[in-house]
Amino acid sequence: MKRWLTTVLVFGLCSAAVRADVTIVQTTTVEGGMAAMAGGGMSPKMTARVKGMKMRNDVEVGSNLMSTILT
């Protein structure tokens, strides 16, 4: 009985961590002919933020910023 209760308690604590807020940042580097045509400075930075069932994506390329919100 104690083992079963301990197992359920550990499972409950571990599954609580899964519901945490998440932030993912991704940076891409563009090199070669494509970067030369674009004039350099083309390194897109993408940030995804998740909180509960909501998500926000930010894409930053140079001085341009685009945001998307999903609910």
C-alpha atoms as a PDB file:
ATOM      1  CA  MET A   1       0.000   0.000   0.000  1.00  0.00           C
ATOM      2  CA  LYS A   2       2.833   2.420   0.846  1.00  0.00           C
ATOM      3  CA  ARG A   3       4.559   1.732  -2.469  1.00  0.00           C
ATOM      4  CA  TRP A   4       1.393   2.437  -4.416  1.00  0.00           C
ATOM      5  CA  LEU A   5       0.788   5.697  -2.540  1.00  0.00           C
ATOM      6  CA  THR A   6       4.401   6.785  -3.062  1.00  0.00           C
ATOM      7  CA  THR A   7       4.177   5.999  -6.777  1.00  0.00           C
ATOM      8  CA  VAL A   8       0.986   8.040  -7.178  1.00  0.00           C
ATOM      9  CA  LEU A   9       2.507  10.933  -5.199  1.00  0.00           C
ATOM     10  CA  VAL A  10       5.692  10.979  -7.313  1.00  0.00           C
ATOM     11  CA  PHE A  11       3.642  10.793 -10.521  1.00  0.00           C
ATOM     12  CA  GLY A  12       1.497  13.729  -9.364  1.00  0.00           C
ATOM     13  CA  LEU A  13       4.539  15.865  -8.569  1.00  0.00           C
ATOM     14  CA  CYS A  14       6.224  15.053 -11.892  1.00  0.00           C
ATOM     15  CA  SER A  15       3.120  15.778 -13.962  1.00  0.00           C
ATOM     16  CA  ALA A  16       2.751  19.201 -12.289  1.00  0.00           C
ATOM     17  CA  ALA A  17       6.083  20.238 -13.814  1.00  0.00           C
ATOM     18  CA  VAL A  18       4.761  19.453 -17.314  1.00  0.00           C
ATOM     19  CA  ARG A  19       2.206  22.267 -17.048  1.00  0.00           C
ATOM     20  CA  ALA A  20       4.888  24.937 -16.554  1.00  0.00           C
ATOM     21  CA  ASP A  21       5.183  27.973 -18.812  1.00  0.00           C
ATOM     22  CA  VAL A  22       7.636  27.537 -21.692  1.00  0.00           C
ATOM     23  CA  THR A  23       9.745  29.987 -23.711  1.00  0.00           C
ATOM     24  CA  ILE A  24      11.647  28.801 -26.798  1.00  0.00           C
ATOM     25  CA  VAL A  25      14.114  31.102 -28.585  1.00  0.00           C
ATOM     26  CA  GLN A  26      15.503  30.137 -31.996  1.00  0.00           C
ATOM     27  CA  THR A  27      18.074  32.106 -33.991  1.00  0.00           C
ATOM     28  CA  THR A  28      18.922  31.277 -37.604  1.00  0.00           C
ATOM     29  CA  THR A  29      22.018  32.466 -39.446  1.00  0.00           C
ATOM     30  CA  VAL A  30      21.820  33.020 -43.211  1.00  0.00           C
ATOM     31  CA  GLU A  31      25.126  32.850 -45.085  1.00  0.00           C
ATOM     32  CA  GLY A  32      26.338  32.651 -48.664  1.00  0.00           C
ATOM     33  CA  GLY A  33      24.686  34.051 -51.770  1.00  0.00           C
ATOM     34  CA  MET A  34      21.313  34.645 -50.136  1.00  0.00           C
ATOM     35  CA  ALA A  35      22.876  36.813 -47.398  1.00  0.00           C
ATOM     36  CA  ALA A  36      24.850  38.801 -50.001  1.00  0.00           C
ATOM     37  CA  MET A  37      21.672  39.530 -51.979  1.00  0.00           C
ATOM     38  CA  ALA A  38      19.789  40.595 -48.852  1.00  0.00           C
ATOM     39  CA  GLY A  39      22.529  43.028 -47.846  1.00  0.00           C
ATOM     40  CA  GLY A  40      23.565  41.251 -44.666  1.00  0.00           C
ATOM     41  CA  GLY A  41      22.000  41.546 -41.239  1.00  0.00           C
ATOM     42  CA  MET A  42      19.529  38.797 -42.020  1.00  0.00           C
ATOM     43  CA  SER A  43      19.442  36.662 -38.876  1.00  0.00           C
ATOM     44  CA  PRO A  44      15.821  35.899 -37.976  1.00  0.00           C
ATOM     45  CA  LYS A  45      15.109  35.440 -34.260  1.00  0.00           C
ATOM     46  CA  MET A  46      11.964  33.497 -33.386  1.00  0.00           C
ATOM     47  CA  THR A  47      10.535  33.411 -29.861  1.00  0.00           C
ATOM     48  CA  ALA A  48       7.619  31.177 -28.863  1.00  0.00           C
ATOM     49  CA  ARG A  49       5.968  31.639 -25.470  1.00  0.00           C
ATOM     50  CA  VAL A  50       3.426  29.119 -24.166  1.00  0.00           C
ATOM     51  CA  LYS A  51       1.269  29.696 -21.101  1.00  0.00           C
ATOM     52  CA  GLY A  52      -1.521  27.237 -20.478  1.00  0.00           C
ATOM     53  CA  MET A  53      -3.468  26.843 -23.716  1.00  0.00           C
ATOM     54  CA  LYS A  54      -2.241  30.174 -25.158  1.00  0.00           C
ATOM     55  CA  MET A  55       0.785  30.731 -27.404  1.00  0.00           C
ATOM     56  CA  ARG A  56       2.557  33.823 -28.695  1.00  0.00           C
ATOM     57  CA  ASN A  57       5.098  33.774 -31.551  1.00  0.00           C
ATOM     58  CA  ASP A  58       7.438  36.717 -32.180  1.00  0.00           C
ATOM     59  CA  VAL A  59       9.583  36.794 -35.334  1.00  0.00           C
ATOM     60  CA  GLU A  60      12.248  39.493 -35.528  1.00  0.00           C
ATOM     61  CA  VAL A  61      14.155  40.054 -38.782  1.00  0.00           C
ATOM     62  CA  GLY A  62      16.385  43.107 -38.732  1.00  0.00           C
ATOM     63  CA  SER A  63      14.218  45.996 -37.543  1.00  0.00           C
ATOM     64  CA  ASN A  64      10.916  44.262 -38.475  1.00  0.00           C
ATOM     65  CA  LEU A  65       8.872  42.499 -35.774  1.00  0.00           C
ATOM     66  CA  MET A  66       5.843  40.271 -36.382  1.00  0.00           C
ATOM     67  CA  SER A  67       3.752  38.760 -33.578  1.00  0.00           C
ATOM     68  CA  THR A  68       1.099  36.048 -33.675  1.00  0.00           C
ATOM     69  CA  ILE A  69      -1.155  35.128 -30.747  1.00  0.00           C
ATOM     70  CA  LEU A  70      -3.021  31.815 -30.616  1.00  0.00           C
ATOM     71  CA  THR A  71      -5.735  31.204 -28.017  1.00  0.00           C
END
